Amino acid sequence: MPVPTYRCATCDRPMQWSGALPDLYPFCSKRCKLVDLGRWLREKHAIEYHPKPEERPEPPPPATPDDRP
């Protein structure tokens, strides 16, 4: 029976395991996990989102001279 493998989501290194998936899955090391987290925090990764028209906020009304402080 072949040994199950996966590739690290950060460095693409092939990983093998037996039994339950490793705690670090889908990464090969804590370093790769932290590198990935840093990319999310710096917004190098993002989940694309296109709001539906009814989910978009209404634009504010135009300012009038009476609205000034």
PDB file of N, CA and C in Angstrom:
ATOM      1  N   MET A   1       0.846  -1.186   0.000  1.00  0.00           N
ATOM      2  CA  MET A   1       0.000   0.000   0.000  1.00  0.00           C
ATOM      3  C   MET A   1       0.891   1.249   0.000  1.00  0.00           C
ATOM      4  N   PRO A   2       0.645   2.207  -0.914  1.00  0.00           N
ATOM      5  CA  PRO A   2       1.485   3.406  -0.976  1.00  0.00           C
ATOM      6  C   PRO A   2       1.280   4.286   0.265  1.00  0.00           C
ATOM      7  N   VAL A   3       2.347   4.989   0.626  1.00  0.00           N
ATOM      8  CA  VAL A   3       2.295   5.900   1.775  1.00  0.00           C
ATOM      9  C   VAL A   3       1.598   7.186   1.336  1.00  0.00           C
ATOM     10  N   PRO A   4       0.596   7.667   2.098  1.00  0.00           N
ATOM     11  CA  PRO A   4      -0.087   8.909   1.726  1.00  0.00           C
ATOM     12  C   PRO A   4       0.878  10.096   1.771  1.00  0.00           C
ATOM     13  N   THR A   5       0.731  10.978   0.822  1.00  0.00           N
ATOM     14  CA  THR A   5       1.586  12.170   0.776  1.00  0.00           C
ATOM     15  C   THR A   5       0.738  13.410   0.516  1.00  0.00           C
ATOM     16  N   TYR A   6       1.300  14.548   0.864  1.00  0.00           N
ATOM     17  CA  TYR A   6       0.730  15.850   0.510  1.00  0.00           C
ATOM     18  C   TYR A   6       1.891  16.808   0.320  1.00  0.00           C
ATOM     19  N   ARG A   7       1.631  17.936  -0.293  1.00  0.00           N
ATOM     20  CA  ARG A   7       2.678  18.938  -0.500  1.00  0.00           C
ATOM     21  C   ARG A   7       2.409  20.121   0.414  1.00  0.00           C
ATOM     22  N   CYS A   8       3.475  20.644   1.005  1.00  0.00           N
ATOM     23  CA  CYS A   8       3.358  21.795   1.896  1.00  0.00           C
ATOM     24  C   CYS A   8       2.740  22.963   1.130  1.00  0.00           C
ATOM     25  N   ALA A   9       1.781  23.625   1.751  1.00  0.00           N
ATOM     26  CA  ALA A   9       1.082  24.744   1.110  1.00  0.00           C
ATOM     27  C   ALA A   9       1.989  25.953   0.907  1.00  0.00           C
ATOM     28  N   THR A  10       3.116  26.024   1.613  1.00  0.00           N
ATOM     29  CA  THR A  10       4.015  27.170   1.492  1.00  0.00           C
ATOM     30  C   THR A  10       5.211  26.874   0.595  1.00  0.00           C
ATOM     31  N   CYS A  11       5.938  25.797   0.897  1.00  0.00           N
ATOM     32  CA  CYS A  11       7.191  25.534   0.168  1.00  0.00           C
ATOM     33  C   CYS A  11       7.080  24.399  -0.849  1.00  0.00           C
ATOM     34  N   ASP A  12       5.940  23.739  -0.919  1.00  0.00           N
ATOM     35  CA  ASP A  12       5.671  22.663  -1.882  1.00  0.00           C
ATOM     36  C   ASP A  12       6.490  21.393  -1.615  1.00  0.00           C
ATOM     37  N   ARG A  13       7.073  21.281  -0.435  1.00  0.00           N
ATOM     38  CA  ARG A  13       7.853  20.096  -0.071  1.00  0.00           C
ATOM     39  C   ARG A  13       6.915  18.898   0.094  1.00  0.00           C
ATOM     40  N   PRO A  14       7.252  17.737  -0.489  1.00  0.00           N
ATOM     41  CA  PRO A  14       6.388  16.562  -0.317  1.00  0.00           C
ATOM     42  C   PRO A  14       6.509  16.019   1.107  1.00  0.00           C
ATOM     43  N   MET A  15       5.373  15.694   1.700  1.00  0.00           N
ATOM     44  CA  MET A  15       5.331  15.180   3.069  1.00  0.00           C
ATOM     45  C   MET A  15       4.600  13.843   3.075  1.00  0.00           C
ATOM     46  N   GLN A  16       5.067  12.925   3.905  1.00  0.00           N
ATOM     47  CA  GLN A  16       4.419  11.628   4.066  1.00  0.00           C
ATOM     48  C   GLN A  16       3.899  11.519   5.492  1.00  0.00           C
ATOM     49  N   TRP A  17       2.831  10.764   5.676  1.00  0.00           N
ATOM     50  CA  TRP A  17       2.316  10.524   7.024  1.00  0.00           C
ATOM     51  C   TRP A  17       1.613   9.188   7.062  1.00  0.00           C
ATOM     52  N   SER A  18       1.423   8.718   8.258  1.00  0.00           N
ATOM     53  CA  SER A  18       0.621   7.507   8.445  1.00  0.00           C
ATOM     54  C   SER A  18      -0.311   7.775   9.619  1.00  0.00           C
ATOM     55  N   GLY A  19      -1.492   7.238   9.568  1.00  0.00           N
ATOM     56  CA  GLY A  19      -2.478   7.497  10.615  1.00  0.00           C
ATOM     57  C   GLY A  19      -3.171   8.824  10.379  1.00  0.00           C
ATOM     58  N   ALA A  20      -3.431   9.556  11.465  1.00  0.00           N
ATOM     59  CA  ALA A  20      -4.109  10.853  11.370  1.00  0.00           C
ATOM     60  C   ALA A  20      -3.187  11.885  10.718  1.00  0.00           C
ATOM     61  N   LEU A  21      -3.787  12.895  10.115  1.00  0.00           N
ATOM     62  CA  LEU A  21      -2.986  13.966   9.517  1.00  0.00           C
ATOM     63  C   LEU A  21      -2.171  14.672  10.599  1.00  0.00           C
ATOM     64  N   PRO A  22      -0.981  15.163  10.264  1.00  0.00           N
ATOM     65  CA  PRO A  22      -0.150  15.870  11.235  1.00  0.00           C
ATOM     66  C   PRO A  22      -0.824  17.150  11.733  1.00  0.00           C
ATOM     67  N   ASP A  23      -0.447  17.586  12.929  1.00  0.00           N
ATOM     68  CA  ASP A  23      -1.000  18.821  13.497  1.00  0.00           C
ATOM     69  C   ASP A  23      -0.726  20.032  12.610  1.00  0.00           C
ATOM     70  N   LEU A  24       0.390  20.017  11.895  1.00  0.00           N
ATOM     71  CA  LEU A  24       0.759  21.166  11.063  1.00  0.00           C
ATOM     72  C   LEU A  24       0.133  21.136   9.672  1.00  0.00           C
ATOM     73  N   TYR A  25      -0.594  20.079   9.328  1.00  0.00           N
ATOM     74  CA  TYR A  25      -1.192  19.964   7.995  1.00  0.00           C
ATOM     75  C   TYR A  25      -1.959  21.229   7.664  1.00  0.00           C
ATOM     76  N   PRO A  26      -1.823  21.824   6.493  1.00  0.00           N
ATOM     77  CA  PRO A  26      -1.164  21.382   5.273  1.00  0.00           C
ATOM     78  C   PRO A  26       0.266  21.897   5.119  1.00  0.00           C
ATOM     79  N   PHE A  27       0.937  22.169   6.224  1.00  0.00           N
ATOM     80  CA  PHE A  27       2.305  22.686   6.183  1.00  0.00           C
ATOM     81  C   PHE A  27       3.283  21.609   6.619  1.00  0.00           C
ATOM     82  N   CYS A  28       4.571  21.806   6.280  1.00  0.00           N
ATOM     83  CA  CYS A  28       5.590  20.828   6.662  1.00  0.00           C
ATOM     84  C   CYS A  28       6.272  21.210   7.966  1.00  0.00           C
ATOM     85  N   SER A  29       6.185  22.477   8.360  1.00  0.00           N
ATOM     86  CA  SER A  29       6.869  22.929   9.570  1.00  0.00           C
ATOM     87  C   SER A  29       6.145  24.137  10.152  1.00  0.00           C
ATOM     88  N   LYS A  30       6.502  24.454  11.399  1.00  0.00           N
ATOM     89  CA  LYS A  30       5.922  25.632  12.038  1.00  0.00           C
ATOM     90  C   LYS A  30       6.341  26.897  11.274  1.00  0.00           C
ATOM     91  N   ARG A  31       7.578  26.901  10.753  1.00  0.00           N
ATOM     92  CA  ARG A  31       8.049  28.052   9.983  1.00  0.00           C
ATOM     93  C   ARG A  31       7.149  28.302   8.778  1.00  0.00           C
ATOM     94  N   CYS A  32       6.839  27.254   8.012  1.00  0.00           N
ATOM     95  CA  CYS A  32       5.976  27.420   6.835  1.00  0.00           C
ATOM     96  C   CYS A  32       4.587  27.896   7.246  1.00  0.00           C
ATOM     97  N   LYS A  33       4.105  27.411   8.372  1.00  0.00           N
ATOM     98  CA  LYS A  33       2.799  27.842   8.874  1.00  0.00           C
ATOM     99  C   LYS A  33       2.823  29.336   9.202  1.00  0.00           C
ATOM    100  N   LEU A  34       3.904  29.806   9.842  1.00  0.00           N
ATOM    101  CA  LEU A  34       4.022  31.223  10.194  1.00  0.00           C
ATOM    102  C   LEU A  34       4.248  32.103   8.963  1.00  0.00           C
ATOM    103  N   VAL A  35       4.978  31.594   7.978  1.00  0.00           N
ATOM    104  CA  VAL A  35       5.160  32.335   6.723  1.00  0.00           C
ATOM    105  C   VAL A  35       3.801  32.558   6.068  1.00  0.00           C
ATOM    106  N   ASP A  36       2.975  31.524   6.031  1.00  0.00           N
ATOM    107  CA  ASP A  36       1.641  31.640   5.447  1.00  0.00           C
ATOM    108  C   ASP A  36       0.793  32.645   6.227  1.00  0.00           C
ATOM    109  N   LEU A  37       0.835  32.587   7.550  1.00  0.00           N
ATOM    110  CA  LEU A  37       0.088  33.539   8.375  1.00  0.00           C
ATOM    111  C   LEU A  37       0.538  34.967   8.074  1.00  0.00           C
ATOM    112  N   GLY A  38       1.844  35.179   7.954  1.00  0.00           N
ATOM    113  CA  GLY A  38       2.363  36.506   7.620  1.00  0.00           C
ATOM    114  C   GLY A  38       1.848  37.009   6.281  1.00  0.00           C
ATOM    115  N   ARG A  39       1.719  36.128   5.323  1.00  0.00           N
ATOM    116  CA  ARG A  39       1.184  36.532   4.012  1.00  0.00           C
ATOM    117  C   ARG A  39      -0.267  36.978   4.130  1.00  0.00           C
ATOM    118  N   TRP A  40      -1.057  36.276   4.943  1.00  0.00           N
ATOM    119  CA  TRP A  40      -2.451  36.685   5.155  1.00  0.00           C
ATOM    120  C   TRP A  40      -2.497  38.032   5.863  1.00  0.00           C
ATOM    121  N   LEU A  41      -1.656  38.214   6.886  1.00  0.00           N
ATOM    122  CA  LEU A  41      -1.680  39.461   7.657  1.00  0.00           C
ATOM    123  C   LEU A  41      -1.225  40.657   6.825  1.00  0.00           C
ATOM    124  N   ARG A  42      -0.309  40.428   5.875  1.00  0.00           N
ATOM    125  CA  ARG A  42       0.134  41.507   4.981  1.00  0.00           C
ATOM    126  C   ARG A  42      -0.763  41.623   3.750  1.00  0.00           C
ATOM    127  N   GLU A  43      -1.848  40.843   3.739  1.00  0.00           N
ATOM    128  CA  GLU A  43      -2.837  40.840   2.660  1.00  0.00           C
ATOM    129  C   GLU A  43      -2.249  40.444   1.312  1.00  0.00           C
ATOM    130  N   LYS A  44      -1.236  39.562   1.334  1.00  0.00           N
ATOM    131  CA  LYS A  44      -0.725  38.987   0.085  1.00  0.00           C
ATOM    132  C   LYS A  44      -1.678  37.889  -0.387  1.00  0.00           C
ATOM    133  N   HIS A  45      -2.419  37.309   0.560  1.00  0.00           N
ATOM    134  CA  HIS A  45      -3.494  36.365   0.255  1.00  0.00           C
ATOM    135  C   HIS A  45      -4.797  37.068   0.601  1.00  0.00           C
ATOM    136  N   ALA A  46      -5.805  36.817  -0.160  1.00  0.00           N
ATOM    137  CA  ALA A  46      -7.122  37.382   0.147  1.00  0.00           C
ATOM    138  C   ALA A  46      -8.190  36.485  -0.470  1.00  0.00           C
ATOM    139  N   ILE A  47      -9.337  36.487   0.145  1.00  0.00           N
ATOM    140  CA  ILE A  47     -10.477  35.761  -0.398  1.00  0.00           C
ATOM    141  C   ILE A  47     -11.308  36.768  -1.172  1.00  0.00           C
ATOM    142  N   GLU A  48     -11.490  36.492  -2.445  1.00  0.00           N
ATOM    143  CA  GLU A  48     -12.237  37.409  -3.296  1.00  0.00           C
ATOM    144  C   GLU A  48     -13.699  37.441  -2.871  1.00  0.00           C
ATOM    145  N   TYR A  49     -14.253  38.628  -2.795  1.00  0.00           N
ATOM    146  CA  TYR A  49     -15.640  38.789  -2.366  1.00  0.00           C
ATOM    147  C   TYR A  49     -16.304  39.842  -3.227  1.00  0.00           C
ATOM    148  N   HIS A  50     -17.422  39.488  -3.810  1.00  0.00           N
ATOM    149  CA  HIS A  50     -18.208  40.414  -4.614  1.00  0.00           C
ATOM    150  C   HIS A  50     -19.586  40.519  -3.971  1.00  0.00           C
ATOM    151  N   PRO A  51     -19.849  41.603  -3.223  1.00  0.00           N
ATOM    152  CA  PRO A  51     -21.151  41.708  -2.557  1.00  0.00           C
ATOM    153  C   PRO A  51     -22.283  41.833  -3.566  1.00  0.00           C
ATOM    154  N   LYS A  52     -23.415  41.282  -3.188  1.00  0.00           N
ATOM    155  CA  LYS A  52     -24.614  41.416  -4.008  1.00  0.00           C
ATOM    156  C   LYS A  52     -25.090  42.858  -3.907  1.00  0.00           C
ATOM    157  N   PRO A  53     -25.818  43.344  -4.905  1.00  0.00           N
ATOM    158  CA  PRO A  53     -26.269  44.742  -4.852  1.00  0.00           C
ATOM    159  C   PRO A  53     -27.001  45.086  -3.556  1.00  0.00           C
ATOM    160  N   GLU A  54     -27.815  44.165  -3.041  1.00  0.00           N
ATOM    161  CA  GLU A  54     -28.558  44.470  -1.812  1.00  0.00           C
ATOM    162  C   GLU A  54     -27.657  44.476  -0.571  1.00  0.00           C
ATOM    163  N   GLU A  55     -26.428  43.945  -0.683  1.00  0.00           N
ATOM    164  CA  GLU A  55     -25.495  43.942   0.444  1.00  0.00           C
ATOM    165  C   GLU A  55     -24.599  45.179   0.466  1.00  0.00           C
ATOM    166  N   ARG A  56     -24.604  45.933  -0.599  1.00  0.00           N
ATOM    167  CA  ARG A  56     -23.746  47.121  -0.666  1.00  0.00           C
ATOM    168  C   ARG A  56     -24.356  48.250   0.150  1.00  0.00           C
ATOM    169  N   PRO A  57     -23.535  48.963   0.905  1.00  0.00           N
ATOM    170  CA  PRO A  57     -24.085  50.066   1.706  1.00  0.00           C
ATOM    171  C   PRO A  57     -24.543  51.216   0.816  1.00  0.00           C
ATOM    172  N   GLU A  58     -25.534  51.921   1.297  1.00  0.00           N
ATOM    173  CA  GLU A  58     -26.023  53.095   0.574  1.00  0.00           C
ATOM    174  C   GLU A  58     -24.987  54.210   0.694  1.00  0.00           C
ATOM    175  N   PRO A  59     -24.753  54.952  -0.376  1.00  0.00           N
ATOM    176  CA  PRO A  59     -23.815  56.070  -0.260  1.00  0.00           C
ATOM    177  C   PRO A  59     -24.420  57.144   0.643  1.00  0.00           C
ATOM    178  N   PRO A  60     -23.580  57.890   1.345  1.00  0.00           N
ATOM    179  CA  PRO A  60     -24.123  58.944   2.205  1.00  0.00           C
ATOM    180  C   PRO A  60     -24.763  60.038   1.353  1.00  0.00           C
ATOM    181  N   PRO A  61     -25.733  60.744   1.909  1.00  0.00           N
ATOM    182  CA  PRO A  61     -26.349  61.825   1.138  1.00  0.00           C
ATOM    183  C   PRO A  61     -25.327  62.935   0.906  1.00  0.00           C
ATOM    184  N   PRO A  62     -25.502  63.702  -0.156  1.00  0.00           N
ATOM    185  CA  PRO A  62     -24.549  64.781  -0.423  1.00  0.00           C
ATOM    186  C   PRO A  62     -24.580  65.804   0.719  1.00  0.00           C
ATOM    187  N   ALA A  63     -23.435  66.363   1.008  1.00  0.00           N
ATOM    188  CA  ALA A  63     -23.331  67.367   2.074  1.00  0.00           C
ATOM    189  C   ALA A  63     -23.967  68.675   1.619  1.00  0.00           C
ATOM    190  N   THR A  64     -24.582  69.341   2.553  1.00  0.00           N
ATOM    191  CA  THR A  64     -25.165  70.661   2.282  1.00  0.00           C
ATOM    192  C   THR A  64     -24.425  71.676   3.144  1.00  0.00           C
ATOM    193  N   PRO A  65     -24.530  72.951   2.826  1.00  0.00           N
ATOM    194  CA  PRO A  65     -23.834  73.962   3.646  1.00  0.00           C
ATOM    195  C   PRO A  65     -24.255  73.903   5.118  1.00  0.00           C
ATOM    196  N   ASP A  66     -25.472  73.465   5.408  1.00  0.00           N
ATOM    197  CA  ASP A  66     -25.933  73.385   6.797  1.00  0.00           C
ATOM    198  C   ASP A  66     -25.272  72.242   7.561  1.00  0.00           C
ATOM    199  N   ASP A  67     -24.655  71.287   6.844  1.00  0.00           N
ATOM    200  CA  ASP A  67     -24.041  70.129   7.495  1.00  0.00           C
ATOM    201  C   ASP A  67     -22.664  70.434   8.068  1.00  0.00           C
ATOM    202  N   ARG A  68     -22.081  71.565   7.726  1.00  0.00           N
ATOM    203  CA  ARG A  68     -20.729  71.874   8.200  1.00  0.00           C
ATOM    204  C   ARG A  68     -20.747  72.209   9.688  1.00  0.00           C
ATOM    205  N   PRO A  69     -19.687  71.821  10.397  1.00  0.00           N
ATOM    206  CA  PRO A  69     -19.630  72.135  11.837  1.00  0.00           C
ATOM    207  C   PRO A  69     -19.459  73.611  12.122  1.00  0.00           C
TER     208      PRO A  69
END
